[in-house]
Amino acid sequence: MKRFIFLLFAGAMGQALSAQETVDVLSLSGRYGLPQNYKDAAYAGQATEWGSINSFTAGFHIASQTMLVFNVNHFYFNVQGDPEPDFPNDIPIADPVKVNGIILRTGLLQKFSKGRSLQILVAPRLMSDFQNMDGNSFMLGGVVAYKKKLRDELSIGFGAIYNTELFGPYMVPFLDLDWQVSSNWRIKGMIPITARVEYTVNENMLVGFNHFGLITTYALGNEDYAGDYMERQSIDLSLFVRQRLAGNIFVEGMAGYAVGRKYRQFEGDQKVDFAIPLVAFGDDRVIKNEFASFDNGIILTLKLIYNMPLPD
């Protein structure tokens, strides 16, 4: 049992391990986006987004410098109109939108001399609306990351995340940064996916700024549009407060703004050649639900976290 420890898989979206004094073992969160107008003036109602992101992380040594790491995440997103919009009947689309994602990431973390480490993970996923699921709901991916501790207060790494999204191959190169700027200030993240600026108020409270942005796709199985997929995009910019409740249990509240938020539905054969953040090569896809787009807006998130210190 002494060899079993919990580890951080930095963030809920497939980031490599980041050197930390503590780790979020279990994180349960709820997200609410305030109602926003549809961009098409023909629809007078508003769309409301809510959902959750939950994560569990663990790991154990299989050799003195080698660890097996394990992370599972569940995502749920729901978008509904109020009043329910009367979209064109000749274009079958998902309304309301209800999608789930379950992502498993597991693999090896190998440590080397001089503060260096290499992490290789496989990442099978189930991404679906949970209706009439088939092989399209299951996707594969992986993470490769190299990191080096330059000094006690600074670690820098780089790597890439690769996913077989329903629109085609998608790769995210990233910079892994963990910089203790001073005794109170810290900057960390897997840029461009996450970035977090923390200010330590005291041993029980953190405040700061959080950036999170990612693209995910979900297979749709409703008989009216079976074979289609939903592509979700959003960049969330938030301020946060993290407070200890008792022992290793924390609560974190976040308030911010969703930028570039989109739920875009495509037919299953609508693909791109290759994509990286902000750029898709060979993208001639036709969006089925462009008229259902709604404005960016304020988002609120509440997390319950079980956190514990990493062993020496």
C-alpha atoms as a PDB file:
ATOM      1  CA  MET A   1       0.000   0.000   0.000  1.00  0.00           C
ATOM      2  CA  LYS A   2       2.913   2.350   0.616  1.00  0.00           C
ATOM      3  CA  ARG A   3       3.791   2.097  -3.081  1.00  0.00           C
ATOM      4  CA  PHE A   4       0.319   3.233  -4.140  1.00  0.00           C
ATOM      5  CA  ILE A   5      -0.042   6.990  -4.629  1.00  0.00           C
ATOM      6  CA  PHE A   6      -2.446   9.313  -6.312  1.00  0.00           C
ATOM      7  CA  LEU A   7      -1.169  11.447  -9.184  1.00  0.00           C
ATOM      8  CA  LEU A   8      -2.314  14.490 -11.054  1.00  0.00           C
ATOM      9  CA  PHE A   9      -3.186  14.117 -14.723  1.00  0.00           C
ATOM     10  CA  ALA A  10      -3.099  17.879 -15.204  1.00  0.00           C
ATOM     11  CA  GLY A  11      -6.579  18.955 -16.134  1.00  0.00           C
ATOM     12  CA  ALA A  12      -9.565  16.988 -17.357  1.00  0.00           C
ATOM     13  CA  MET A  13      -8.757  17.111 -21.048  1.00  0.00           C
ATOM     14  CA  GLY A  14      -5.664  14.882 -21.632  1.00  0.00           C
ATOM     15  CA  GLN A  15      -2.740  16.872 -20.384  1.00  0.00           C
ATOM     16  CA  ALA A  16       0.537  15.342 -19.248  1.00  0.00           C
ATOM     17  CA  LEU A  17       1.644  15.080 -15.646  1.00  0.00           C
ATOM     18  CA  SER A  18       2.826  18.306 -14.105  1.00  0.00           C
ATOM     19  CA  ALA A  19       5.109  18.469 -11.078  1.00  0.00           C
ATOM     20  CA  GLN A  20       2.963  19.479  -8.129  1.00  0.00           C
ATOM     21  CA  GLU A  21       3.101  19.373  -4.338  1.00  0.00           C
ATOM     22  CA  THR A  22      -0.550  18.286  -4.221  1.00  0.00           C
ATOM     23  CA  VAL A  23      -2.928  16.473  -6.544  1.00  0.00           C
ATOM     24  CA  ASP A  24      -6.677  16.602  -7.221  1.00  0.00           C
ATOM     25  CA  VAL A  25      -7.600  12.943  -6.860  1.00  0.00           C
ATOM     26  CA  LEU A  26     -11.348  13.427  -7.357  1.00  0.00           C
ATOM     27  CA  SER A  27     -13.084  16.438  -8.897  1.00  0.00           C
ATOM     28  CA  LEU A  28     -16.858  16.801  -9.336  1.00  0.00           C
ATOM     29  CA  SER A  29     -18.182  19.920 -11.024  1.00  0.00           C
ATOM     30  CA  GLY A  30     -21.320  21.524 -12.378  1.00  0.00           C
ATOM     31  CA  ARG A  31     -21.379  24.180 -15.100  1.00  0.00           C
ATOM     32  CA  TYR A  32     -24.123  26.654 -16.009  1.00  0.00           C
ATOM     33  CA  GLY A  33     -24.163  29.079 -18.916  1.00  0.00           C
ATOM     34  CA  LEU A  34     -26.589  31.969 -18.582  1.00  0.00           C
ATOM     35  CA  PRO A  35     -29.313  32.084 -21.295  1.00  0.00           C
ATOM     36  CA  GLN A  36     -28.157  33.726 -24.524  1.00  0.00           C
ATOM     37  CA  ASN A  37     -29.971  34.895 -27.652  1.00  0.00           C
ATOM     38  CA  TYR A  38     -29.914  32.899 -30.864  1.00  0.00           C
ATOM     39  CA  LYS A  39     -27.765  34.551 -33.505  1.00  0.00           C
ATOM     40  CA  ASP A  40     -30.509  34.095 -36.093  1.00  0.00           C
ATOM     41  CA  ALA A  41     -33.027  36.897 -35.459  1.00  0.00           C
ATOM     42  CA  ALA A  42     -35.822  34.582 -36.645  1.00  0.00           C
ATOM     43  CA  TYR A  43     -35.719  32.807 -33.270  1.00  0.00           C
ATOM     44  CA  ALA A  44     -36.803  35.001 -30.384  1.00  0.00           C
ATOM     45  CA  GLY A  45     -35.984  32.559 -27.579  1.00  0.00           C
ATOM     46  CA  GLN A  46     -32.731  31.977 -25.751  1.00  0.00           C
ATOM     47  CA  ALA A  47     -30.471  28.948 -25.423  1.00  0.00           C
ATOM     48  CA  THR A  48     -29.159  27.752 -22.071  1.00  0.00           C
ATOM     49  CA  GLU A  49     -26.119  25.513 -21.636  1.00  0.00           C
ATOM     50  CA  TRP A  50     -25.312  23.420 -18.581  1.00  0.00           C
ATOM     51  CA  GLY A  51     -23.312  20.319 -17.825  1.00  0.00           C
ATOM     52  CA  SER A  52     -20.616  18.717 -15.702  1.00  0.00           C
ATOM     53  CA  ILE A  53     -16.993  17.592 -15.825  1.00  0.00           C
ATOM     54  CA  ASN A  54     -15.878  14.888 -13.391  1.00  0.00           C
ATOM     55  CA  SER A  55     -12.446  13.355 -12.970  1.00  0.00           C
ATOM     56  CA  PHE A  56     -10.633  10.633 -11.007  1.00  0.00           C
ATOM     57  CA  THR A  57      -6.855  10.098 -11.091  1.00  0.00           C
ATOM     58  CA  ALA A  58      -4.554   7.482  -9.573  1.00  0.00           C
ATOM     59  CA  GLY A  59      -1.274   5.697 -10.145  1.00  0.00           C
ATOM     60  CA  PHE A  60       1.311   3.356  -8.681  1.00  0.00           C
ATOM     61  CA  HIS A  61       4.969   2.433  -9.029  1.00  0.00           C
ATOM     62  CA  ILE A  62       5.867  -0.637 -11.089  1.00  0.00           C
ATOM     63  CA  ALA A  63       9.599   0.116 -10.711  1.00  0.00           C
ATOM     64  CA  SER A  64      11.653   2.665  -8.802  1.00  0.00           C
ATOM     65  CA  GLN A  65      11.529   5.207 -11.661  1.00  0.00           C
ATOM     66  CA  THR A  66       8.493   3.932 -13.560  1.00  0.00           C
ATOM     67  CA  MET A  67       4.836   4.540 -12.796  1.00  0.00           C
ATOM     68  CA  LEU A  68       1.567   3.339 -14.250  1.00  0.00           C
ATOM     69  CA  VAL A  69      -0.907   6.232 -14.332  1.00  0.00           C
ATOM     70  CA  PHE A  70      -4.668   6.114 -14.687  1.00  0.00           C
ATOM     71  CA  ASN A  71      -7.201   8.869 -15.327  1.00  0.00           C
ATOM     72  CA  VAL A  72     -10.901   8.747 -16.201  1.00  0.00           C
ATOM     73  CA  ASN A  73     -13.098  11.729 -17.038  1.00  0.00           C
ATOM     74  CA  HIS A  74     -16.809  12.112 -17.691  1.00  0.00           C
ATOM     75  CA  PHE A  75     -18.241  15.093 -19.576  1.00  0.00           C
ATOM     76  CA  TYR A  76     -21.881  16.033 -20.014  1.00  0.00           C
ATOM     77  CA  PHE A  77     -23.267  18.987 -21.964  1.00  0.00           C
ATOM     78  CA  ASN A  78     -26.887  20.012 -22.468  1.00  0.00           C
ATOM     79  CA  VAL A  79     -28.254  22.896 -24.557  1.00  0.00           C
ATOM     80  CA  GLN A  80     -31.969  23.736 -24.604  1.00  0.00           C
ATOM     81  CA  GLY A  81     -34.000  26.629 -25.956  1.00  0.00           C
ATOM     82  CA  ASP A  82     -36.644  28.539 -24.030  1.00  0.00           C
ATOM     83  CA  PRO A  83     -39.151  28.744 -25.554  1.00  0.00           C
ATOM     84  CA  GLU A  84     -38.334  25.744 -27.718  1.00  0.00           C
ATOM     85  CA  PRO A  85     -37.330  27.164 -31.118  1.00  0.00           C
ATOM     86  CA  ASP A  86     -39.193  26.096 -34.250  1.00  0.00           C
ATOM     87  CA  PHE A  87     -36.239  25.091 -36.419  1.00  0.00           C
ATOM     88  CA  PRO A  88     -36.800  24.045 -40.059  1.00  0.00           C
ATOM     89  CA  ASN A  89     -38.389  20.590 -40.205  1.00  0.00           C
ATOM     90  CA  ASP A  90     -36.605  19.651 -43.426  1.00  0.00           C
ATOM     91  CA  ILE A  91     -33.193  19.781 -41.705  1.00  0.00           C
ATOM     92  CA  PRO A  92     -33.151  17.169 -38.908  1.00  0.00           C
ATOM     93  CA  ILE A  93     -30.923  18.411 -36.106  1.00  0.00           C
ATOM     94  CA  ALA A  94     -30.298  17.576 -32.464  1.00  0.00           C
ATOM     95  CA  ASP A  95     -32.546  19.794 -30.349  1.00  0.00           C
ATOM     96  CA  PRO A  96     -32.054  19.811 -27.445  1.00  0.00           C
ATOM     97  CA  VAL A  97     -28.369  18.884 -27.503  1.00  0.00           C
ATOM     98  CA  LYS A  98     -27.423  16.211 -24.955  1.00  0.00           C
ATOM     99  CA  VAL A  99     -23.972  14.651 -25.277  1.00  0.00           C
ATOM    100  CA  ASN A 100     -21.657  12.641 -23.034  1.00  0.00           C
ATOM    101  CA  GLY A 101     -17.968  11.821 -23.136  1.00  0.00           C
ATOM    102  CA  ILE A 102     -16.059   9.183 -21.171  1.00  0.00           C
ATOM    103  CA  ILE A 103     -12.294   9.313 -21.633  1.00  0.00           C
ATOM    104  CA  LEU A 104      -9.788   6.837 -20.191  1.00  0.00           C
ATOM    105  CA  ARG A 105      -6.098   7.705 -20.243  1.00  0.00           C
ATOM    106  CA  THR A 106      -3.533   5.230 -19.032  1.00  0.00           C
ATOM    107  CA  GLY A 107       0.126   4.560 -19.614  1.00  0.00           C
ATOM    108  CA  LEU A 108       3.630   4.968 -18.279  1.00  0.00           C
ATOM    109  CA  LEU A 109       5.533   7.803 -16.669  1.00  0.00           C
ATOM    110  CA  GLN A 110       9.277   7.171 -16.843  1.00  0.00           C
ATOM    111  CA  LYS A 111      11.620   9.338 -14.787  1.00  0.00           C
ATOM    112  CA  PHE A 112      15.261   9.941 -15.704  1.00  0.00           C
ATOM    113  CA  SER A 113      18.206  11.723 -14.117  1.00  0.00           C
ATOM    114  CA  LYS A 114      18.512  15.517 -13.898  1.00  0.00           C
ATOM    115  CA  GLY A 115      14.777  16.072 -13.392  1.00  0.00           C
ATOM    116  CA  ARG A 116      13.700  14.682 -16.761  1.00  0.00           C
ATOM    117  CA  SER A 117      10.624  12.559 -17.450  1.00  0.00           C
ATOM    118  CA  LEU A 118       8.743  11.015 -20.369  1.00  0.00           C
ATOM    119  CA  GLN A 119       5.063  10.116 -20.365  1.00  0.00           C
ATOM    120  CA  ILE A 120       3.276   7.944 -22.942  1.00  0.00           C
ATOM    121  CA  LEU A 121      -0.472   7.361 -22.621  1.00  0.00           C
ATOM    122  CA  VAL A 122      -3.192   5.707 -24.675  1.00  0.00           C
ATOM    123  CA  ALA A 123      -6.618   7.341 -24.590  1.00  0.00           C
ATOM    124  CA  PRO A 124      -9.679   5.349 -25.736  1.00  0.00           C
ATOM    125  CA  ARG A 125     -12.914   7.350 -25.594  1.00  0.00           C
ATOM    126  CA  LEU A 126     -16.677   6.930 -25.729  1.00  0.00           C
ATOM    127  CA  MET A 127     -18.261  10.123 -27.135  1.00  0.00           C
ATOM    128  CA  SER A 128     -21.998   9.933 -27.827  1.00  0.00           C
ATOM    129  CA  ASP A 129     -25.539  11.090 -27.218  1.00  0.00           C
ATOM    130  CA  PHE A 130     -26.120   7.549 -25.872  1.00  0.00           C
ATOM    131  CA  GLN A 131     -28.739   6.788 -28.526  1.00  0.00           C
ATOM    132  CA  ASN A 132     -28.343   3.724 -30.788  1.00  0.00           C
ATOM    133  CA  MET A 133     -24.579   3.681 -30.260  1.00  0.00           C
ATOM    134  CA  ASP A 134     -22.322   2.068 -32.846  1.00  0.00           C
ATOM    135  CA  GLY A 135     -18.626   1.997 -33.668  1.00  0.00           C
ATOM    136  CA  ASN A 136     -18.560   5.731 -34.382  1.00  0.00           C
ATOM    137  CA  SER A 137     -19.014   6.414 -30.666  1.00  0.00           C
ATOM    138  CA  PHE A 138     -15.635   4.847 -29.867  1.00  0.00           C
ATOM    139  CA  MET A 139     -12.452   6.741 -30.703  1.00  0.00           C
ATOM    140  CA  LEU A 140      -8.762   6.415 -29.971  1.00  0.00           C
ATOM    141  CA  GLY A 141      -6.095   8.898 -28.987  1.00  0.00           C
ATOM    142  CA  GLY A 142      -2.841   9.278 -27.168  1.00  0.00           C
ATOM    143  CA  VAL A 143      -0.493  11.639 -25.335  1.00  0.00           C
ATOM    144  CA  VAL A 144       3.287  11.914 -25.489  1.00  0.00           C
ATOM    145  CA  ALA A 145       5.047  14.408 -23.216  1.00  0.00           C
ATOM    146  CA  TYR A 146       8.634  15.186 -22.208  1.00  0.00           C
ATOM    147  CA  LYS A 147       9.416  17.401 -19.224  1.00  0.00           C
ATOM    148  CA  LYS A 148      12.492  18.781 -17.492  1.00  0.00           C
ATOM    149  CA  LYS A 149      12.905  20.475 -14.126  1.00  0.00           C
ATOM    150  CA  LEU A 150      15.201  23.426 -14.762  1.00  0.00           C
ATOM    151  CA  ARG A 151      15.293  24.516 -11.130  1.00  0.00           C
ATOM    152  CA  ASP A 152      13.212  24.027  -7.998  1.00  0.00           C
ATOM    153  CA  GLU A 153      10.658  26.672  -8.983  1.00  0.00           C
ATOM    154  CA  LEU A 154      10.516  26.048 -12.760  1.00  0.00           C
ATOM    155  CA  SER A 155       9.648  23.016 -14.910  1.00  0.00           C
ATOM    156  CA  ILE A 156       9.093  23.148 -18.669  1.00  0.00           C
ATOM    157  CA  GLY A 157       7.979  20.419 -21.033  1.00  0.00           C
ATOM    158  CA  PHE A 158       6.486  19.837 -24.449  1.00  0.00           C
ATOM    159  CA  GLY A 159       4.454  17.201 -26.181  1.00  0.00           C
ATOM    160  CA  ALA A 160       1.386  16.482 -28.265  1.00  0.00           C
ATOM    161  CA  ILE A 161      -2.123  15.119 -27.902  1.00  0.00           C
ATOM    162  CA  TYR A 162      -3.558  13.157 -30.834  1.00  0.00           C
ATOM    163  CA  ASN A 163      -7.237  12.231 -31.212  1.00  0.00           C
ATOM    164  CA  THR A 164      -9.179  10.519 -33.979  1.00  0.00           C
ATOM    165  CA  GLU A 165     -12.074  12.969 -33.875  1.00  0.00           C
ATOM    166  CA  LEU A 166     -15.174  12.321 -35.959  1.00  0.00           C
ATOM    167  CA  PHE A 167     -14.139  15.121 -38.309  1.00  0.00           C
ATOM    168  CA  GLY A 168     -10.724  13.490 -38.834  1.00  0.00           C
ATOM    169  CA  PRO A 169      -7.241  13.462 -37.270  1.00  0.00           C
ATOM    170  CA  TYR A 170      -6.666  16.201 -34.682  1.00  0.00           C
ATOM    171  CA  MET A 171      -3.342  17.041 -33.037  1.00  0.00           C
ATOM    172  CA  VAL A 172      -2.632  19.553 -30.276  1.00  0.00           C
ATOM    173  CA  PRO A 173       1.042  20.392 -29.668  1.00  0.00           C
ATOM    174  CA  PHE A 174       1.469  21.850 -26.188  1.00  0.00           C
ATOM    175  CA  LEU A 175       3.887  23.580 -23.860  1.00  0.00           C
ATOM    176  CA  ASP A 176       3.789  22.273 -20.287  1.00  0.00           C
ATOM    177  CA  LEU A 177       4.701  25.057 -17.866  1.00  0.00           C
ATOM    178  CA  ASP A 178       4.903  25.032 -14.068  1.00  0.00           C
ATOM    179  CA  TRP A 179       6.533  28.181 -12.681  1.00  0.00           C
ATOM    180  CA  GLN A 180       6.501  29.224  -9.038  1.00  0.00           C
ATOM    181  CA  VAL A 181       7.099  32.903  -9.719  1.00  0.00           C
ATOM    182  CA  SER A 182       7.213  33.839  -6.027  1.00  0.00           C
ATOM    183  CA  SER A 183       6.024  32.471  -2.693  1.00  0.00           C
ATOM    184  CA  ASN A 184       2.460  33.536  -3.554  1.00  0.00           C
ATOM    185  CA  TRP A 185       2.260  33.534  -7.367  1.00  0.00           C
ATOM    186  CA  ARG A 186       2.279  30.501  -9.645  1.00  0.00           C
ATOM    187  CA  ILE A 187       1.692  30.015 -13.386  1.00  0.00           C
ATOM    188  CA  LYS A 188       0.980  26.570 -14.806  1.00  0.00           C
ATOM    189  CA  GLY A 189      -0.815  24.912 -17.654  1.00  0.00           C
ATOM    190  CA  MET A 190      -0.758  22.892 -20.834  1.00  0.00           C
ATOM    191  CA  ILE A 191      -0.742  25.761 -23.303  1.00  0.00           C
ATOM    192  CA  PRO A 192      -2.883  26.232 -25.447  1.00  0.00           C
ATOM    193  CA  ILE A 193      -5.384  23.898 -23.731  1.00  0.00           C
ATOM    194  CA  THR A 194      -5.151  25.241 -20.202  1.00  0.00           C
ATOM    195  CA  ALA A 195      -3.447  28.099 -18.402  1.00  0.00           C
ATOM    196  CA  ARG A 196      -3.851  28.956 -14.743  1.00  0.00           C
ATOM    197  CA  VAL A 197      -2.516  31.865 -12.703  1.00  0.00           C
ATOM    198  CA  GLU A 198      -2.763  31.258  -8.950  1.00  0.00           C
ATOM    199  CA  TYR A 199      -2.312  33.554  -5.984  1.00  0.00           C
ATOM    200  CA  THR A 200      -2.003  31.878  -2.576  1.00  0.00           C
ATOM    201  CA  VAL A 201      -3.935  33.927  -0.026  1.00  0.00           C
ATOM    202  CA  ASN A 202      -3.179  31.471   2.784  1.00  0.00           C
ATOM    203  CA  GLU A 203      -2.886  27.701   3.258  1.00  0.00           C
ATOM    204  CA  ASN A 204      -6.659  27.362   2.867  1.00  0.00           C
ATOM    205  CA  MET A 205      -7.381  29.666  -0.079  1.00  0.00           C
ATOM    206  CA  LEU A 206      -6.279  30.227  -3.676  1.00  0.00           C
ATOM    207  CA  VAL A 207      -7.574  32.861  -6.104  1.00  0.00           C
ATOM    208  CA  GLY A 208      -6.678  33.474  -9.714  1.00  0.00           C
ATOM    209  CA  PHE A 209      -7.444  33.186 -13.425  1.00  0.00           C
ATOM    210  CA  ASN A 210      -8.198  30.045 -15.451  1.00  0.00           C
ATOM    211  CA  HIS A 211      -8.187  29.435 -19.224  1.00  0.00           C
ATOM    212  CA  PHE A 212      -9.601  26.273 -20.781  1.00  0.00           C
ATOM    213  CA  GLY A 213     -10.205  25.555 -24.454  1.00  0.00           C
ATOM    214  CA  LEU A 214     -10.740  22.344 -26.416  1.00  0.00           C
ATOM    215  CA  ILE A 215     -12.594  20.804 -29.366  1.00  0.00           C
ATOM    216  CA  THR A 216     -14.502  17.531 -28.902  1.00  0.00           C
ATOM    217  CA  THR A 217     -16.867  15.550 -31.133  1.00  0.00           C
ATOM    218  CA  TYR A 218     -19.813  13.297 -30.262  1.00  0.00           C
ATOM    219  CA  ALA A 219     -21.579  10.656 -32.354  1.00  0.00           C
ATOM    220  CA  LEU A 220     -25.339  11.166 -32.725  1.00  0.00           C
ATOM    221  CA  GLY A 221     -27.660   8.162 -32.888  1.00  0.00           C
ATOM    222  CA  ASN A 222     -31.207   9.530 -33.020  1.00  0.00           C
ATOM    223  CA  GLU A 223     -33.030   7.878 -35.934  1.00  0.00           C
ATOM    224  CA  ASP A 224     -33.781  11.262 -37.529  1.00  0.00           C
ATOM    225  CA  TYR A 225     -30.077  12.093 -37.965  1.00  0.00           C
ATOM    226  CA  ALA A 226     -28.240   8.851 -37.202  1.00  0.00           C
ATOM    227  CA  GLY A 227     -24.642   8.935 -38.392  1.00  0.00           C
ATOM    228  CA  ASP A 228     -24.221  12.684 -37.803  1.00  0.00           C
ATOM    229  CA  TYR A 229     -21.840  14.095 -35.234  1.00  0.00           C
ATOM    230  CA  MET A 230     -21.792  17.152 -32.987  1.00  0.00           C
ATOM    231  CA  GLU A 231     -18.635  19.262 -32.725  1.00  0.00           C
ATOM    232  CA  ARG A 232     -18.315  21.318 -29.542  1.00  0.00           C
ATOM    233  CA  GLN A 233     -15.948  24.271 -29.205  1.00  0.00           C
ATOM    234  CA  SER A 234     -15.494  26.748 -26.385  1.00  0.00           C
ATOM    235  CA  ILE A 235     -12.750  28.832 -24.806  1.00  0.00           C
ATOM    236  CA  ASP A 236     -13.611  29.508 -21.165  1.00  0.00           C
ATOM    237  CA  LEU A 237     -11.951  32.465 -19.425  1.00  0.00           C
ATOM    238  CA  SER A 238     -12.719  32.558 -15.709  1.00  0.00           C
ATOM    239  CA  LEU A 239     -11.760  33.974 -12.342  1.00  0.00           C
ATOM    240  CA  PHE A 240     -11.765  31.460  -9.495  1.00  0.00           C
ATOM    241  CA  VAL A 241     -11.679  31.113  -5.718  1.00  0.00           C
ATOM    242  CA  ARG A 242     -10.640  27.841  -4.103  1.00  0.00           C
ATOM    243  CA  GLN A 243     -11.386  27.331  -0.406  1.00  0.00           C
ATOM    244  CA  ARG A 244     -10.609  24.443   1.945  1.00  0.00           C
ATOM    245  CA  LEU A 245     -13.755  23.065   3.580  1.00  0.00           C
ATOM    246  CA  ALA A 246     -12.164  20.488   5.853  1.00  0.00           C
ATOM    247  CA  GLY A 247      -9.020  18.391   5.720  1.00  0.00           C
ATOM    248  CA  ASN A 248      -8.318  17.516   2.076  1.00  0.00           C
ATOM    249  CA  ILE A 249     -11.735  18.626   0.777  1.00  0.00           C
ATOM    250  CA  PHE A 250     -11.997  21.891  -1.181  1.00  0.00           C
ATOM    251  CA  VAL A 251     -14.670  23.824  -3.004  1.00  0.00           C
ATOM    252  CA  GLU A 252     -13.858  25.974  -6.046  1.00  0.00           C
ATOM    253  CA  GLY A 253     -16.133  28.561  -7.596  1.00  0.00           C
ATOM    254  CA  MET A 254     -15.499  30.024 -11.051  1.00  0.00           C
ATOM    255  CA  ALA A 255     -17.164  32.867 -12.930  1.00  0.00           C
ATOM    256  CA  GLY A 256     -16.200  33.838 -16.444  1.00  0.00           C
ATOM    257  CA  TYR A 257     -17.071  34.071 -20.113  1.00  0.00           C
ATOM    258  CA  ALA A 258     -17.347  31.485 -22.895  1.00  0.00           C
ATOM    259  CA  VAL A 259     -15.667  32.709 -26.094  1.00  0.00           C
ATOM    260  CA  GLY A 260     -16.076  31.056 -29.483  1.00  0.00           C
ATOM    261  CA  ARG A 261     -18.703  28.670 -28.114  1.00  0.00           C
ATOM    262  CA  LYS A 262     -20.205  26.483 -30.846  1.00  0.00           C
ATOM    263  CA  TYR A 263     -22.275  23.328 -31.141  1.00  0.00           C
ATOM    264  CA  ARG A 264     -22.024  22.428 -34.829  1.00  0.00           C
ATOM    265  CA  GLN A 265     -23.748  19.398 -36.348  1.00  0.00           C
ATOM    266  CA  PHE A 266     -22.362  17.684 -39.457  1.00  0.00           C
ATOM    267  CA  GLU A 267     -23.249  14.623 -41.486  1.00  0.00           C
ATOM    268  CA  GLY A 268     -20.926  11.733 -40.771  1.00  0.00           C
ATOM    269  CA  ASP A 269     -19.088  11.907 -44.095  1.00  0.00           C
ATOM    270  CA  GLN A 270     -18.167  15.574 -43.595  1.00  0.00           C
ATOM    271  CA  LYS A 271     -14.423  15.413 -42.792  1.00  0.00           C
ATOM    272  CA  VAL A 272     -11.257  17.480 -42.789  1.00  0.00           C
ATOM    273  CA  ASP A 273      -7.829  16.276 -43.905  1.00  0.00           C
ATOM    274  CA  PHE A 274      -6.063  17.235 -40.671  1.00  0.00           C
ATOM    275  CA  ALA A 275      -6.595  19.747 -37.886  1.00  0.00           C
ATOM    276  CA  ILE A 276      -4.588  21.568 -35.223  1.00  0.00           C
ATOM    277  CA  PRO A 277      -5.876  24.313 -32.899  1.00  0.00           C
ATOM    278  CA  LEU A 278      -7.369  27.210 -34.913  1.00  0.00           C
ATOM    279  CA  VAL A 279      -6.554  25.585 -38.283  1.00  0.00           C
ATOM    280  CA  ALA A 280      -8.323  22.806 -40.220  1.00  0.00           C
ATOM    281  CA  PHE A 281      -6.834  21.693 -43.534  1.00  0.00           C
ATOM    282  CA  GLY A 282      -9.238  20.672 -46.286  1.00  0.00           C
ATOM    283  CA  ASP A 283     -12.313  21.828 -44.398  1.00  0.00           C
ATOM    284  CA  ASP A 284     -15.212  22.008 -46.863  1.00  0.00           C
ATOM    285  CA  ARG A 285     -17.850  20.790 -44.435  1.00  0.00           C
ATOM    286  CA  VAL A 286     -21.433  22.046 -44.497  1.00  0.00           C
ATOM    287  CA  ILE A 287     -22.932  22.905 -41.101  1.00  0.00           C
ATOM    288  CA  LYS A 288     -26.455  21.543 -40.670  1.00  0.00           C
ATOM    289  CA  ASN A 289     -27.487  23.715 -37.700  1.00  0.00           C
ATOM    290  CA  GLU A 290     -25.891  27.099 -38.344  1.00  0.00           C
ATOM    291  CA  PHE A 291     -29.273  28.733 -37.703  1.00  0.00           C
ATOM    292  CA  ALA A 292     -29.280  27.227 -34.183  1.00  0.00           C
ATOM    293  CA  SER A 293     -26.105  29.037 -33.049  1.00  0.00           C
ATOM    294  CA  PHE A 294     -26.361  31.172 -29.914  1.00  0.00           C
ATOM    295  CA  ASP A 295     -24.234  33.952 -28.457  1.00  0.00           C
ATOM    296  CA  ASN A 296     -21.202  33.657 -26.205  1.00  0.00           C
ATOM    297  CA  GLY A 297     -21.945  34.431 -22.589  1.00  0.00           C
ATOM    298  CA  ILE A 298     -21.311  34.207 -18.875  1.00  0.00           C
ATOM    299  CA  ILE A 299     -20.511  30.786 -17.398  1.00  0.00           C
ATOM    300  CA  LEU A 300     -20.548  29.717 -13.748  1.00  0.00           C
ATOM    301  CA  THR A 301     -18.805  26.597 -12.424  1.00  0.00           C
ATOM    302  CA  LEU A 302     -18.779  24.973  -8.984  1.00  0.00           C
ATOM    303  CA  LYS A 303     -16.352  22.169  -8.086  1.00  0.00           C
ATOM    304  CA  LEU A 304     -16.009  19.820  -5.143  1.00  0.00           C
ATOM    305  CA  ILE A 305     -12.442  18.508  -4.917  1.00  0.00           C
ATOM    306  CA  TYR A 306     -10.605  15.886  -2.903  1.00  0.00           C
ATOM    307  CA  ASN A 307      -6.945  16.928  -2.880  1.00  0.00           C
ATOM    308  CA  MET A 308      -3.976  15.297  -1.206  1.00  0.00           C
ATOM    309  CA  PRO A 309      -0.231  15.905  -1.004  1.00  0.00           C
ATOM    310  CA  LEU A 310       2.106  13.910  -3.196  1.00  0.00           C
ATOM    311  CA  PRO A 311       4.545  11.702  -1.262  1.00  0.00           C
ATOM    312  CA  ASP A 312       8.227  12.549  -1.282  1.00  0.00           C
END
